[in-house]
C-alpha atoms as a PDB file:
ATOM      1  CA  MET A   1     180.937  73.948 111.328  1.00  0.00           C
ATOM      2  CA  ASP A   2     178.652  73.178 108.443  1.00  0.00           C
ATOM      3  CA  HIS A   3     177.991  75.541 105.480  1.00  0.00           C
ATOM      4  CA  ARG A   4     174.723  76.798 106.951  1.00  0.00           C
ATOM      5  CA  LEU A   5     176.354  77.777 110.242  1.00  0.00           C
ATOM      6  CA  ARG A   6     179.246  79.438 108.438  1.00  0.00           C
ATOM      7  CA  LYS A   7     176.864  81.492 106.380  1.00  0.00           C
ATOM      8  CA  GLU A   8     174.812  82.489 109.411  1.00  0.00           C
ATOM      9  CA  PHE A   9     177.917  83.364 111.339  1.00  0.00           C
ATOM     10  CA  LYS A  10     179.130  85.685 108.578  1.00  0.00           C
ATOM     11  CA  LEU A  11     175.771  87.416 108.455  1.00  0.00           C
ATOM     12  CA  VAL A  12     175.733  87.939 112.220  1.00  0.00           C
ATOM     13  CA  SER A  13     179.366  88.918 112.712  1.00  0.00           C
ATOM     14  CA  GLY A  14     180.074  90.613 109.407  1.00  0.00           C
ATOM     15  CA  MET A  15     183.293  88.766 108.865  1.00  0.00           C
ATOM     16  CA  PRO A  16     184.377  85.436 107.352  1.00  0.00           C
ATOM     17  CA  VAL A  17     184.741  82.432 109.697  1.00  0.00           C
ATOM     18  CA  LYS A  18     188.491  82.183 109.083  1.00  0.00           C
ATOM     19  CA  LYS A  19     189.094  85.819 110.073  1.00  0.00           C
ATOM     20  CA  ALA A  20     186.830  85.394 113.133  1.00  0.00           C
ATOM     21  CA  ALA A  21     188.751  82.176 114.119  1.00  0.00           C
ATOM     22  CA  ASP A  22     192.034  83.958 113.760  1.00  0.00           C
ATOM     23  CA  GLU A  23     190.750  86.828 115.973  1.00  0.00           C
ATOM     24  CA  VAL A  24     189.434  84.430 118.651  1.00  0.00           C
ATOM     25  CA  CYS A  25     192.816  82.583 118.727  1.00  0.00           C
ATOM     26  CA  ARG A  26     194.722  85.916 119.032  1.00  0.00           C
ATOM     27  CA  ARG A  27     192.518  87.012 121.902  1.00  0.00           C
ATOM     28  CA  LEU A  28     192.742  83.663 123.690  1.00  0.00           C
ATOM     29  CA  ILE A  29     196.518  83.703 123.387  1.00  0.00           C
ATOM     30  CA  LYS A  30     196.710  87.229 124.788  1.00  0.00           C
ATOM     31  CA  GLY A  31     194.301  86.327 127.669  1.00  0.00           C
ATOM     32  CA  ILE A  32     196.329  83.179 128.514  1.00  0.00           C
ATOM     33  CA  ALA A  33     199.642  85.144 128.292  1.00  0.00           C
ATOM     34  CA  THR A  34     198.363  87.761 130.761  1.00  0.00           C
ATOM     35  CA  GLY A  35     197.094  85.078 133.100  1.00  0.00           C
ATOM     36  CA  ALA A  36     193.477  86.227 132.800  1.00  0.00           C
ATOM     37  CA  ILE A  37     192.310  83.002 131.029  1.00  0.00           C
ATOM     38  CA  ASN A  38     193.240  79.883 132.801  1.00  0.00           C
ATOM     39  CA  TYR A  39     193.270  76.263 131.542  1.00  0.00           C
ATOM     40  CA  GLU A  40     189.865  75.478 133.062  1.00  0.00           C
ATOM     41  CA  THR A  41     188.207  78.392 131.249  1.00  0.00           C
ATOM     42  CA  TYR A  42     189.862  77.371 127.983  1.00  0.00           C
ATOM     43  CA  ARG A  43     188.707  73.694 128.385  1.00  0.00           C
ATOM     44  CA  ALA A  44     185.143  74.773 129.212  1.00  0.00           C
ATOM     45  CA  TRP A  45     185.124  76.857 126.057  1.00  0.00           C
ATOM     46  CA  MET A  46     186.514  73.950 123.909  1.00  0.00           C
ATOM     47  CA  GLU A  47     184.103  71.473 125.316  1.00  0.00           C
ATOM     48  CA  THR A  48     181.031  73.542 124.726  1.00  0.00           C
ATOM     49  CA  PRO A  49     178.833  72.548 121.703  1.00  0.00           C
ATOM     50  CA  ASP A  50     178.894  74.999 118.740  1.00  0.00           C
ATOM     51  CA  ASP A  51     175.272  76.017 119.350  1.00  0.00           C
ATOM     52  CA  THR A  52     175.961  77.129 122.955  1.00  0.00           C
ATOM     53  CA  SER A  53     177.630  80.344 124.087  1.00  0.00           C
ATOM     54  CA  VAL A  54     180.416  80.549 126.593  1.00  0.00           C
ATOM     55  CA  ALA A  55     181.478  83.848 128.102  1.00  0.00           C
ATOM     56  CA  ILE A  56     185.208  84.345 128.121  1.00  0.00           C
ATOM     57  CA  PRO A  57     187.031  87.654 128.812  1.00  0.00           C
ATOM     58  CA  ASP A  58     187.492  89.773 125.713  1.00  0.00           C
ATOM     59  CA  TYR A  59     191.083  90.814 125.135  1.00  0.00           C
ATOM     60  CA  LYS A  60     191.440  93.084 122.115  1.00  0.00           C
END
């Protein structure tokens, strides 16, 4: 993620990229642990370009 995208992300989300990345990882782990996110969903998310959205379940 380049500097411009990091700055834009912080403006939109209201949080630093590092904090957001930590939160995404925590939610992914919780979703995988519960069986709600399978490997195919995870791979689809990982293979998607940064400028494209992928809907994955939200596990808070």
